[in-house]
Each structure stands twice: as structure tokens, then as C-alpha cells.
Amino acid sequence: MNPEASWAASRRWASFANFHDPLNGPIAYLAGFRLLPDILWIGNGIDVRQDAIRRLKIGPTTASATRACIQLGHLTTAVEILEQGVATTFQQMLQLKTDVDELPSAQAVKFRTLSSELYAGTASNPTDVARQRKNQLEEIRKQPGFEYFLCPKPYSVLWESSQGGPVVILNSHRKGCDGIIILRDSPQPIHVPLPEITLDFLKSQKEMLAELLGQCNGFKSRPVQEWFVDLLKSLWTNIVEPVYLVLASYGISGGRLWWLPTGGFSGLPLHASPPSTDQFIHSYTATLGSLLDARNKESAVPKFGVVAVTHTGLGHENYLEGVGQEVHRIRSVVPDLKCLEAEKAIPEAVKLHLQDCSWLHLACHGAQDSTDPTKSRLLLYEGSLELGTILRMPLSNAEFVFLGACQTAMGDAELLNESFHFGGGFIAAGFRSAVGTLWSMDDRDGPSVAENFYTHLFRDGRRPRATDTAEALRSTVGELRANNTPYARWVPFIHMGV
């Protein structure tokens, strides 16, 4: 049977089970999710796959499946299903970069070659190459110890993503919204009921945020400040505080904390809602697997270097007047900083430095393409650099990227679970951590934000690590808050990855 027809049949089975035989609901959903690799065939272009995600309602089905499992108390299955159904194209890009050094040499070479052809877009017949890669996967899985190679990860593996701190999954569904906490010291996921949250509530919070940003005009209006307070209090009271109360019951009141928001929760500034005395250091992740992979990637990078790329966007309606001062401030703090400024910031030069540097600071405009996110691009001097090009590059030294100026952590409103914004794209390209913004930062803040961020990282003279960047951002945003900077100028900054 056609995989799309089988997917539709599994949805009908699950719908029937939810009403008449709830215990069979998860079985029906699992049958459908096993079809996703065939439905979202990796030999097709990303635009074709994303069209299938919309058309077949994969996002809403993921939410329904997760909710059904939660209601039955099957929390591990809920986590496993959600992991399969979110950020699917993002996960496929990560899979194409999988390290295969532990495989027998002949199989490793063949699999790496086929994956590289698909990843780089160099295959003359992508469908045939994808089919060969699928056959090669089946052969690899016959080897002892590789039975689950690139298969959906079981909860026993996904749980390891919490080794650096709690991970909080948020699922939104018309019948109810829930949190699931994954803790290092708990072998089972922990359910957090969110009884006050509905889809209409989440929609209203986003509409309020959009209206506030549209009214700011320099962010000096007193009423706007008051509305921001109301918005953040609402997120705190109804979403974040219930999570904190559960964490407190396990003796956790501070440290690293990762958010994995899906559906209606995506794009909300959850990190900014706690009181200023908050002891948690907030980050976001697209999937548990990507966080786990980034953490496992930690090693002694042979080369360490920071490259700053700045372009004012001369002729752009939003001229970035502050980027010259921004790079001057970074240079005063970061030793041996390499800079590509003005006419030096051409696409070819940026590509060359990308392959060599481990840390990247971007202060330039970007343009997002919601139809095909791989065509989203950085606007540089006399040209642009597409995200798809960056994704195909071998970035073996990549550690951290700071994405300033443009909106870098929001993607397609119709594909809330896909995480294919600039920040997610750089993580998929191989960077372990990223700092981005939910909406465009104020150009006036660029110099001070950059200086404070890198001063924190290089404060003791040692080489910083990607895992230090979340705390550095927290300290930097804390400075903005202490100076009574308007909400719209400090709230958008977020940390992604390790």
C-alpha cells in the first residue's frame, strides 16, 4: 500500500481507538509513525517533504499521539513518539552527518559516500542514491551491535539528554496541554499537568506578543511595558511555575534547564517569564536527539578561532549602524579575532572561514524563506549565503555561533515543530550551541551585548567552551535588565543547544 494511504489508515485506526478502545491508540499511532521515513523520503527535496508534513497533518497527529499516551500514563511512549514527529527534516539533516567510524570500513565508506551525495546535493539521481542508502542501512543493521543504527531512539537512550540538566517537553492539543520533564535522577518521565492552558490561550499570547512588537516603535511606551509584564506573568503562572514546582519537589531549584516547546508553545518567551531572581539558566532544543548528539560531540577541537562577520546592510531599510562599534568591542575582548567587515564580508570569504573557525559571530541581516528554509540566506557584501550551502559544508571545527541583528530563532508559522530557522539550521550544520533572537534585536544593543557576552566567556583567560555560552547569555541579559532596558530589547535573546 502507498505509505501515505497507510498513514491515513493508521490515523483513522487511532481515532477509532481513542473513542472505543483507548489502549490500542498508541499501537495505532506507532504503526503510522513507522511510515514517516517512507512518507518523508529523504531522496525528495525539503520543499516536497515539508509540503507532506503540512498536507498529512503530521504536526497535529504528533500532538494527538503524545496526548493519548499521556492520558494512558504511557509517558515513555509519549516521548518516543513526539521525538519521531517533531523537527523531522532537521533530524534528517543530522542523520546525513552521522559519524560511521565504528562500522566495518567497507560499509562505512559506502554509507558515508551515499550520505554525502545526498547531503551535498551532488547526486545526479537523488532518488536512486536514497534507495541505495536505504538498502545499505538494512545491511548495516544486520551487523551485531548495529541493529538500531539510525532507528528511532528508545527512551532509555533519549533519557541521556538530561545529563546536563532537566529537559522540559511541552505538548499542545485541543483536549489538553501537558509538560513532560526528563530528569537525570528519574528513570521515568514526569508528567506536569497544565490545566489552565488551551490552544486558544496559546494563540492569544502570541497575538498579544505580535501586537506589542508592532506598537513598540523604539520601545519607550509605558503601556507597552505594562502589557509585556502581563504577558510574562501569564506565561510564568500558567506554564513555567508549575514546571518549577515539580522540579523543586525533586530538589532542583537552579542550574541548566532545556525547553523543548512544540505546537502552540513554540515561539513563546518562556525563558523570560520567571522573576529576576531566577536561578535557572535557560536553553532550547529542537529534539532530545540533537541535544544528545551535540553533547556527545564534545572533544578537543584541533583549531580554536573566533571569526566575526559584519555587514551594515547598506541600502537595506534597516541599516545596521552599530555593527562597526560591535566588532570594535569584541576585538577589545577576544584575542586573535578574525574579522570580515564591509567589503571583506563576501560570500566566498565567509564560506572559507566557516570551514576553519570554531566560533562564529554574525552581525548582518538575514532573509528567511518559509517555502524552502534551505534557501534562507545571510545578506552579505555583494551577495548572500544560503543556509542550504552552509548545511552542505564540512564544518568539523564548528562549536558556537552568535546570530545577531536578524530574527534568527523563528521559523514557518505553519510548521511550528520543524525548527528550521537560522538557529536550528546552524545546529543542523554541526554547531553545538547558538545564540539567536525570537525577533530582531535593537541595533543600539549590539555593541554592549557583544562586549558583555565575550567578556564573561574570556574572563579568566582560558579558552571558552560551547557549554559556557548559556551562562554568558544569562549574565549579558541580566545586565540589560539591571539597566531597566525595555522588555522588547532583552526578552528576544535565546540560547540553543548545549
Protein backbone atom coordinates (compact mmCIF):
# COMPACT_ATOMS: atom_id res chain seq x y z
CA MET A 1 0.00 0.00 0.00
CA ASN A 2 1.12 3.55 -0.67
CA PRO A 3 2.75 4.88 2.56
CA GLU A 4 0.54 7.98 2.55
CA ALA A 5 -2.56 5.79 2.31
CA SER A 6 -1.22 3.63 5.15
CA TRP A 7 -0.61 6.77 7.20
CA ALA A 8 -4.23 7.84 6.65
CA ALA A 9 -5.41 4.36 7.67
CA SER A 10 -3.35 4.44 10.87
CA ARG A 11 -4.85 7.84 11.74
CA ARG A 12 -8.36 6.50 11.28
CA TRP A 13 -7.49 3.46 13.41
CA ALA A 14 -6.07 5.72 16.13
CA SER A 15 -9.13 7.98 16.02
CA PHE A 16 -11.44 4.98 16.39
CA ALA A 17 -9.31 3.58 19.22
CA ASN A 18 -9.33 6.88 21.11
CA PHE A 19 -13.12 6.68 21.36
CA HIS A 20 -13.75 2.94 21.62
CA ASP A 21 -10.54 1.17 22.63
CA PRO A 22 -8.02 3.66 24.13
CA LEU A 23 -5.44 1.00 24.99
CA ASN A 24 -4.94 0.37 21.27
CA GLY A 25 -4.45 4.05 20.48
CA PRO A 26 -0.66 4.09 20.98
CA ILE A 27 -0.32 0.91 18.89
CA ALA A 28 -2.18 2.58 16.02
CA TYR A 29 -0.09 5.75 16.26
CA LEU A 30 3.18 3.80 16.38
CA ALA A 31 2.16 1.94 13.23
CA GLY A 32 1.74 5.28 11.50
CA PHE A 33 4.96 6.85 12.74
CA ARG A 34 6.98 3.88 11.47
CA LEU A 35 5.95 5.07 7.98
CA LEU A 36 7.50 8.52 8.30
CA PRO A 37 10.87 7.61 6.70
CA ASP A 38 8.96 6.47 3.59
CA ILE A 39 6.49 9.36 3.62
CA LEU A 40 9.23 11.94 4.14
CA TRP A 41 11.52 10.20 1.66
CA ILE A 42 14.99 11.63 2.07
CA GLY A 43 15.56 11.48 -1.70
CA ASN A 44 12.94 14.22 -2.15
CA GLY A 45 13.68 17.91 -1.75
CA ILE A 46 12.99 19.59 1.57
CA ASP A 47 10.16 21.59 -0.01
CA VAL A 48 8.43 18.33 -1.04
CA ARG A 49 8.88 16.85 2.43
CA GLN A 50 7.59 19.97 4.16
CA ASP A 51 4.57 20.00 1.87
CA ALA A 52 3.85 16.42 3.02
CA ILE A 53 4.18 17.49 6.67
CA ARG A 54 1.52 20.16 6.11
CA ARG A 55 -0.76 18.08 3.90
CA LEU A 56 -0.75 14.95 6.07
CA LYS A 57 -1.05 16.91 9.32
CA ILE A 58 1.99 15.26 10.85
CA GLY A 59 2.35 18.00 13.48
CA PRO A 60 -1.23 17.76 14.82
CA THR A 61 -1.06 13.95 14.67
CA THR A 62 2.11 14.02 16.76
CA ALA A 63 0.32 16.16 19.34
CA SER A 64 -2.69 13.80 19.36
CA ALA A 65 -0.49 10.72 19.75
CA THR A 66 1.51 12.29 22.56
CA ARG A 67 -1.65 13.37 24.38
CA ALA A 68 -3.23 9.90 24.03
CA CYS A 69 -0.15 8.26 25.53
CA ILE A 70 -0.01 10.78 28.38
CA GLN A 71 -3.66 10.11 29.26
CA LEU A 72 -2.90 6.39 29.49
CA GLY A 73 0.18 7.05 31.63
CA HIS A 74 2.48 5.74 28.89
CA LEU A 75 4.97 8.58 29.26
CA THR A 76 7.99 6.83 27.74
CA THR A 77 5.96 6.03 24.61
CA ALA A 78 4.75 9.65 24.53
CA VAL A 79 8.33 10.88 24.49
CA GLU A 80 9.40 8.36 21.84
CA ILE A 81 6.51 9.29 19.52
CA LEU A 82 6.98 13.02 19.96
CA GLU A 83 10.68 12.68 19.17
CA GLN A 84 9.80 10.98 15.87
CA GLY A 85 7.19 13.54 14.87
CA VAL A 86 8.93 16.87 15.54
CA ALA A 87 11.74 18.56 13.60
CA THR A 88 11.69 15.74 11.04
CA THR A 89 13.61 17.49 8.25
CA PHE A 90 16.01 18.86 10.87
CA GLN A 91 16.66 15.32 12.16
CA GLN A 92 17.19 14.00 8.64
CA MET A 93 19.92 16.59 8.04
CA LEU A 94 21.61 15.50 11.27
CA GLN A 95 21.39 11.83 10.24
CA LEU A 96 23.18 12.57 6.98
CA LYS A 97 26.13 13.80 9.07
CA THR A 98 26.21 10.74 11.34
CA ASP A 99 29.67 9.53 12.32
CA VAL A 100 30.12 5.98 10.96
CA ASP A 101 33.70 5.32 12.09
CA GLU A 102 32.60 2.37 14.24
CA LEU A 103 31.23 0.49 11.23
CA PRO A 104 33.27 -2.05 9.26
CA SER A 105 35.47 0.00 6.92
CA ALA A 106 33.88 -1.04 3.59
CA GLN A 107 30.35 -0.37 4.83
CA ALA A 108 31.42 2.89 6.45
CA VAL A 109 32.94 4.18 3.21
CA LYS A 110 29.92 3.26 1.10
CA PHE A 111 27.40 4.65 3.58
CA ARG A 112 29.39 7.85 4.07
CA THR A 113 29.65 8.33 0.30
CA LEU A 114 25.93 7.87 -0.28
CA SER A 115 25.01 10.14 2.65
CA SER A 116 27.47 12.81 1.48
CA GLU A 117 26.00 12.80 -2.02
CA LEU A 118 22.51 13.38 -0.61
CA TYR A 119 23.72 15.97 1.90
CA ALA A 120 25.76 17.94 -0.61
CA GLY A 121 23.10 17.75 -3.31
CA THR A 122 25.62 16.36 -5.82
CA ALA A 123 23.76 13.16 -6.72
CA SER A 124 22.63 13.09 -10.36
CA ASN A 125 19.73 10.83 -9.36
CA PRO A 126 18.84 11.56 -5.70
CA THR A 127 16.01 9.01 -5.67
CA ASP A 128 18.35 6.20 -6.70
CA VAL A 129 21.04 7.27 -4.23
CA ALA A 130 18.44 7.44 -1.42
CA ARG A 131 17.28 3.92 -2.33
CA GLN A 132 20.86 2.63 -2.26
CA ARG A 133 21.38 4.31 1.11
CA LYS A 134 18.24 2.65 2.48
CA ASN A 135 19.48 -0.77 1.27
CA GLN A 136 22.87 -0.09 2.82
CA LEU A 137 21.17 0.79 6.12
CA GLU A 138 19.41 -2.57 6.10
CA GLU A 139 22.76 -4.33 5.59
CA ILE A 140 24.39 -2.33 8.39
CA ARG A 141 21.58 -3.25 10.80
CA LYS A 142 22.35 -6.94 10.23
CA GLN A 143 25.73 -6.43 11.91
CA PRO A 144 25.97 -7.33 15.62
CA GLY A 145 25.70 -4.18 17.70
CA PHE A 146 24.19 -2.11 14.90
CA GLU A 147 20.63 -3.45 14.99
CA TYR A 148 19.25 0.01 15.86
CA PHE A 149 21.63 2.12 13.75
CA LEU A 150 19.78 5.37 12.82
CA CYS A 151 16.49 3.91 14.06
CA PRO A 152 14.20 5.97 16.29
CA LYS A 153 15.89 6.12 19.69
CA PRO A 154 14.21 4.32 22.62
CA TYR A 155 13.54 6.29 25.78
CA SER A 156 16.48 4.61 27.52
CA VAL A 157 18.73 6.49 25.08
CA LEU A 158 16.73 9.74 24.88
CA TRP A 159 16.84 9.95 28.69
CA GLU A 160 20.59 10.58 28.46
CA SER A 161 19.85 14.04 27.01
CA SER A 162 19.09 15.15 30.58
CA GLN A 163 22.63 14.55 31.86
CA GLY A 164 23.36 18.29 31.84
CA GLY A 165 20.06 19.30 33.45
CA PRO A 166 16.29 18.81 33.19
CA VAL A 167 14.63 18.84 29.77
CA VAL A 168 11.01 20.03 29.64
CA ILE A 169 8.83 18.95 26.72
CA LEU A 170 5.64 20.94 26.12
CA ASN A 171 2.82 19.39 24.09
CA SER A 172 -0.26 21.32 22.95
CA HIS A 173 -3.52 19.65 21.97
CA ARG A 174 -7.16 20.73 21.75
CA LYS A 175 -8.08 18.29 24.55
CA GLY A 176 -5.37 19.50 26.90
CA CYS A 177 -1.79 20.68 27.19
CA ASP A 178 0.97 18.97 29.15
CA GLY A 179 4.56 19.17 30.21
CA ILE A 180 6.89 16.19 30.45
CA ILE A 181 10.11 16.53 32.44
CA ILE A 182 13.09 14.30 31.77
CA LEU A 183 15.44 14.12 34.74
CA ARG A 184 18.84 12.53 35.12
CA ASP A 185 17.86 11.11 38.52
CA SER A 186 14.49 9.72 37.42
CA PRO A 187 14.35 6.64 35.19
CA GLN A 188 10.81 7.56 34.09
CA PRO A 189 9.48 10.81 32.59
CA ILE A 190 7.50 13.07 34.93
CA HIS A 191 4.11 14.45 33.90
CA VAL A 192 3.28 18.10 34.57
CA PRO A 193 -0.44 18.83 34.03
CA LEU A 194 -1.13 22.32 32.64
CA PRO A 195 -4.88 22.58 33.24
CA GLU A 196 -5.12 26.31 32.53
CA ILE A 197 -3.54 26.06 29.08
CA THR A 198 -5.66 25.72 25.95
CA LEU A 199 -4.88 26.21 22.29
CA ASP A 200 -6.88 29.45 22.41
CA PHE A 201 -4.76 30.65 25.35
CA LEU A 202 -1.53 29.95 23.47
CA LYS A 203 -2.86 31.67 20.36
CA SER A 204 -3.91 34.73 22.38
CA GLN A 205 -0.44 35.00 23.94
CA LYS A 206 1.20 35.00 20.52
CA GLU A 207 -1.28 37.55 19.20
CA MET A 208 -0.58 39.79 22.19
CA LEU A 209 3.17 39.48 21.63
CA ALA A 210 2.81 40.32 17.92
CA GLU A 211 0.68 43.35 18.77
CA LEU A 212 3.17 44.56 21.37
CA LEU A 213 6.09 44.31 18.97
CA GLY A 214 4.11 46.18 16.33
CA GLN A 215 3.42 49.02 18.77
CA CYS A 216 6.87 49.41 20.28
CA ASN A 217 8.38 51.99 17.89
CA GLY A 218 11.55 52.42 19.89
CA PHE A 219 10.22 50.52 22.90
CA LYS A 220 9.55 53.59 25.07
CA SER A 221 5.79 53.40 25.52
CA ARG A 222 4.76 52.90 29.15
CA PRO A 223 1.57 50.96 28.30
CA VAL A 224 3.59 48.56 26.14
CA GLN A 225 5.87 47.88 29.12
CA GLU A 226 2.85 47.11 31.27
CA TRP A 227 1.44 44.72 28.67
CA PHE A 228 4.79 42.93 28.49
CA VAL A 229 4.64 42.46 32.26
CA ASP A 230 1.17 40.96 31.94
CA LEU A 231 2.25 38.63 29.13
CA LEU A 232 5.28 37.31 31.01
CA LYS A 233 3.31 36.93 34.25
CA SER A 234 0.72 34.88 32.38
CA LEU A 235 3.40 32.57 30.93
CA TRP A 236 5.02 32.25 34.33
CA THR A 237 1.85 31.48 36.27
CA ASN A 238 0.32 29.04 33.80
CA ILE A 239 3.33 27.26 32.25
CA VAL A 240 6.71 27.84 33.85
CA GLU A 241 5.82 27.99 37.57
CA PRO A 242 4.02 24.59 37.50
CA VAL A 243 7.20 23.10 36.00
CA TYR A 244 9.36 24.79 38.65
CA LEU A 245 7.15 23.42 41.44
CA VAL A 246 7.63 19.87 40.20
CA LEU A 247 11.38 20.39 39.85
CA ALA A 248 11.50 21.78 43.41
CA SER A 249 9.84 18.61 44.66
CA TYR A 250 12.87 16.76 43.29
CA GLY A 251 15.27 19.17 44.98
CA ILE A 252 16.11 21.14 41.83
CA SER A 253 15.95 24.93 42.07
CA GLY A 254 18.62 26.13 39.66
CA GLY A 255 21.25 25.24 37.06
CA ARG A 256 20.82 24.38 33.39
CA LEU A 257 17.30 23.85 32.05
CA TRP A 258 16.28 22.98 28.49
CA TRP A 259 12.88 23.72 26.92
CA LEU A 260 11.51 21.65 24.05
CA PRO A 261 8.29 23.50 23.11
CA THR A 262 6.10 22.10 20.34
CA GLY A 263 2.99 23.30 18.52
CA GLY A 264 1.34 26.31 20.15
CA PHE A 265 4.15 26.64 22.72
CA SER A 266 6.73 27.37 20.00
CA GLY A 267 7.97 30.94 19.85
CA LEU A 268 6.80 31.99 23.30
CA PRO A 269 9.46 33.64 25.53
CA LEU A 270 9.23 31.09 28.33
CA HIS A 271 12.83 31.80 29.38
CA ALA A 272 11.99 35.43 30.17
CA SER A 273 8.91 34.79 32.30
CA PRO A 274 10.43 33.86 35.71
CA PRO A 275 11.19 36.60 38.27
CA SER A 276 14.56 38.36 38.08
CA THR A 277 15.77 36.19 40.99
CA ASP A 278 15.52 33.09 38.76
CA GLN A 279 18.39 30.64 39.35
CA PHE A 280 17.91 28.58 36.18
CA ILE A 281 19.97 29.02 33.02
CA HIS A 282 17.58 28.52 30.11
CA SER A 283 18.23 26.91 26.73
CA TYR A 284 16.08 25.50 23.95
CA THR A 285 16.44 22.35 21.88
CA ALA A 286 14.58 21.14 18.79
CA THR A 287 14.78 17.46 19.77
CA LEU A 288 16.21 15.29 22.52
CA GLY A 289 18.39 13.50 19.98
CA SER A 290 20.03 16.69 18.70
CA LEU A 291 20.87 17.74 22.27
CA LEU A 292 22.30 14.30 22.96
CA ASP A 293 24.36 14.35 19.75
CA ALA A 294 25.72 17.83 20.49
CA ARG A 295 26.74 16.76 23.98
CA ASN A 296 28.42 13.59 22.70
CA LYS A 297 30.31 15.61 20.08
CA GLU A 298 32.35 17.39 22.76
CA SER A 299 36.01 16.82 22.14
CA ALA A 300 39.28 18.68 21.85
CA VAL A 301 38.75 20.71 18.67
CA PRO A 302 42.17 20.91 16.98
CA LYS A 303 41.64 24.54 15.98
CA PHE A 304 40.11 27.32 18.04
CA GLY A 305 39.33 30.64 16.45
CA VAL A 306 36.65 33.30 16.59
CA VAL A 307 35.52 34.89 13.34
CA ALA A 308 33.27 37.94 13.26
CA VAL A 309 31.29 38.71 10.10
CA THR A 310 29.64 42.11 9.93
CA HIS A 311 27.69 43.84 7.21
CA THR A 312 25.69 47.00 7.80
CA GLY A 313 23.18 46.24 5.06
CA LEU A 314 23.93 49.47 3.18
CA GLY A 315 20.82 50.26 1.17
CA HIS A 316 18.70 47.98 3.38
CA GLU A 317 15.72 49.68 5.02
CA ASN A 318 17.10 48.61 8.42
CA TYR A 319 20.66 49.90 8.20
CA LEU A 320 22.79 48.40 10.99
CA GLU A 321 24.61 51.46 12.22
CA GLY A 322 26.02 49.79 15.32
CA VAL A 323 27.92 46.84 13.81
CA GLY A 324 31.19 48.75 13.46
CA GLN A 325 31.19 49.54 17.17
CA GLU A 326 30.07 45.98 17.87
CA VAL A 327 33.10 44.39 16.25
CA HIS A 328 35.38 47.01 17.89
CA ARG A 329 34.05 45.97 21.30
CA ILE A 330 34.51 42.25 20.51
CA ARG A 331 38.08 42.89 19.34
CA SER A 332 38.87 44.53 22.67
CA VAL A 333 37.93 41.33 24.49
CA VAL A 334 38.61 38.37 22.17
CA PRO A 335 42.26 37.54 21.44
CA ASP A 336 43.27 36.92 17.81
CA LEU A 337 39.81 37.79 16.48
CA LYS A 338 39.47 37.46 12.71
CA CYS A 339 37.11 40.00 11.16
CA LEU A 340 35.32 40.11 7.84
CA GLU A 341 33.94 43.63 7.68
CA ALA A 342 32.27 45.69 4.96
CA GLU A 343 33.59 44.73 1.51
CA LYS A 344 35.56 41.80 3.01
CA ALA A 345 32.31 40.10 4.05
CA ILE A 346 31.70 38.49 0.68
CA PRO A 347 30.07 35.04 0.47
CA GLU A 348 33.20 33.19 -0.65
CA ALA A 349 35.31 34.62 2.18
CA VAL A 350 32.65 33.72 4.75
CA LYS A 351 32.45 30.16 3.38
CA LEU A 352 36.22 29.81 3.62
CA HIS A 353 36.36 30.96 7.23
CA LEU A 354 33.34 28.88 8.20
CA GLN A 355 35.25 25.69 7.44
CA ASP A 356 38.18 26.78 9.58
CA CYS A 357 36.72 28.55 12.60
CA SER A 358 35.15 27.04 15.70
CA TRP A 359 33.31 30.15 16.90
CA LEU A 360 31.36 32.48 14.61
CA HIS A 361 29.78 35.86 15.34
CA LEU A 362 27.35 37.14 12.71
CA ALA A 363 26.15 40.74 12.74
CA CYS A 364 24.25 41.05 9.49
CA HIS A 365 20.77 40.86 8.05
CA GLY A 366 19.14 37.60 7.07
CA ALA A 367 16.19 36.68 4.88
CA GLN A 368 14.06 33.65 5.75
CA ASP A 369 12.32 31.52 3.12
CA SER A 370 9.27 29.77 4.57
CA THR A 371 8.68 27.69 1.42
CA ASP A 372 12.16 26.18 1.39
CA PRO A 373 14.14 27.08 4.54
CA THR A 374 17.40 25.90 2.96
CA LYS A 375 17.08 29.00 0.75
CA SER A 376 17.03 31.28 3.79
CA ARG A 377 20.15 33.38 3.46
CA LEU A 378 22.58 35.70 5.16
CA LEU A 379 22.79 39.05 3.36
CA LEU A 380 26.46 39.84 2.81
CA TYR A 381 28.52 42.26 0.73
CA GLU A 382 27.60 41.92 -2.95
CA GLY A 383 25.82 38.64 -2.42
CA SER A 384 24.25 36.23 0.03
CA LEU A 385 24.99 32.85 1.61
CA GLU A 386 22.15 30.34 1.68
CA LEU A 387 21.50 28.10 4.66
CA GLY A 388 21.46 25.11 2.28
CA THR A 389 25.07 25.88 1.29
CA ILE A 390 26.11 26.04 4.94
CA LEU A 391 24.33 22.75 5.65
CA ARG A 392 26.34 21.02 2.93
CA MET A 393 29.72 22.23 4.17
CA PRO A 394 32.06 20.02 6.24
CA LEU A 395 32.22 22.00 9.49
CA SER A 396 34.40 19.73 11.60
CA ASN A 397 35.52 22.54 13.95
CA ALA A 398 32.08 24.10 14.47
CA GLU A 399 31.28 24.82 18.13
CA PHE A 400 29.26 28.01 18.61
CA VAL A 401 27.55 30.72 16.56
CA PHE A 402 26.15 34.07 17.69
CA LEU A 403 23.40 35.18 15.33
CA GLY A 404 22.85 38.88 15.82
CA ALA A 405 20.80 41.57 14.05
CA CYS A 406 18.21 39.48 12.21
CA GLN A 407 15.38 37.36 13.61
CA THR A 408 17.10 34.01 13.89
CA ALA A 409 15.03 31.67 16.06
CA MET A 410 11.59 31.78 14.48
CA GLY A 411 10.56 29.64 11.53
CA ASP A 412 7.45 28.96 9.46
CA ALA A 413 4.25 29.61 11.43
CA GLU A 414 2.62 26.65 9.65
CA LEU A 415 5.45 24.27 10.59
CA LEU A 416 5.86 25.05 14.27
CA ASN A 417 7.59 21.74 15.02
CA GLU A 418 10.21 21.87 12.29
CA SER A 419 12.82 24.22 13.89
CA PHE A 420 14.22 25.22 10.51
CA HIS A 421 15.05 28.82 11.34
CA PHE A 422 18.62 30.15 11.19
CA GLY A 423 19.47 28.97 14.70
CA GLY A 424 18.15 25.47 14.09
CA GLY A 425 19.87 25.42 10.71
CA PHE A 426 23.29 26.17 12.19
CA ILE A 427 22.77 23.45 14.82
CA ALA A 428 21.88 21.03 12.00
CA ALA A 429 25.03 22.15 10.17
CA GLY A 430 27.16 20.99 13.08
CA PHE A 431 27.36 23.82 15.60
CA ARG A 432 26.81 22.62 19.16
CA SER A 433 25.39 25.86 20.54
CA ALA A 434 23.86 29.04 19.20
CA VAL A 435 22.57 32.37 20.47
CA GLY A 436 19.71 33.81 18.45
CA THR A 437 16.68 36.05 18.80
CA LEU A 438 12.92 35.49 18.68
CA TRP A 439 12.62 38.84 16.92
CA SER A 440 15.17 41.32 15.58
CA MET A 441 17.39 42.77 18.27
CA ASP A 442 17.69 46.52 18.64
CA ASP A 443 20.79 47.77 16.81
CA ARG A 444 21.62 50.01 19.78
CA ASP A 445 22.21 46.96 21.98
CA GLY A 446 24.60 45.12 19.67
CA PRO A 447 27.88 46.63 20.96
CA SER A 448 27.12 46.26 24.69
CA VAL A 449 25.58 42.79 24.31
CA ALA A 450 28.60 41.54 22.35
CA GLU A 451 31.11 43.08 24.77
CA ASN A 452 29.41 41.73 27.89
CA PHE A 453 28.89 38.29 26.34
CA TYR A 454 32.51 37.76 25.32
CA THR A 455 33.89 39.44 28.46
CA HIS A 456 32.07 36.83 30.51
CA LEU A 457 33.41 34.00 28.36
CA PHE A 458 37.05 35.16 28.37
CA ARG A 459 37.03 36.50 31.94
CA ASP A 460 39.57 34.04 33.36
CA GLY A 461 41.87 33.86 30.36
CA ARG A 462 41.06 30.28 29.42
CA ARG A 463 39.62 29.05 26.18
CA PRO A 464 35.80 29.08 26.49
CA ARG A 465 33.64 26.07 25.71
CA ALA A 466 30.32 25.86 23.90
CA THR A 467 28.74 24.74 27.17
CA ASP A 468 29.71 28.10 28.75
CA THR A 469 27.66 30.19 26.34
CA ALA A 470 24.26 29.75 28.01
CA GLU A 471 25.58 31.18 31.28
CA ALA A 472 27.30 34.00 29.36
CA LEU A 473 24.00 34.94 27.72
CA ARG A 474 22.22 34.84 31.08
CA SER A 475 24.81 37.24 32.51
CA THR A 476 24.54 39.53 29.48
CA VAL A 477 20.76 39.71 29.56
CA GLY A 478 20.98 40.26 33.31
CA GLU A 479 22.98 43.45 32.60
CA LEU A 480 20.26 44.67 30.24
CA ARG A 481 17.58 44.00 32.86
CA ALA A 482 19.58 45.71 35.60
CA ASN A 483 19.79 48.83 33.43
CA ASN A 484 15.98 48.87 33.05
CA THR A 485 16.23 48.12 29.34
CA PRO A 486 12.71 47.81 27.86
CA TYR A 487 11.36 44.28 27.71
CA ALA A 488 11.28 44.12 23.92
CA ARG A 489 15.05 44.59 23.83
CA TRP A 490 16.15 41.87 26.29
CA VAL A 491 13.39 39.27 26.03
CA PRO A 492 14.18 38.06 22.47
CA PHE A 493 17.65 36.64 23.21
CA ILE A 494 17.66 32.85 23.49
CA HIS A 495 20.24 30.09 23.76
CA MET A 496 20.01 26.86 21.75
CA GLY A 497 21.91 23.58 22.07
CA VAL A 498 24.41 22.58 24.74
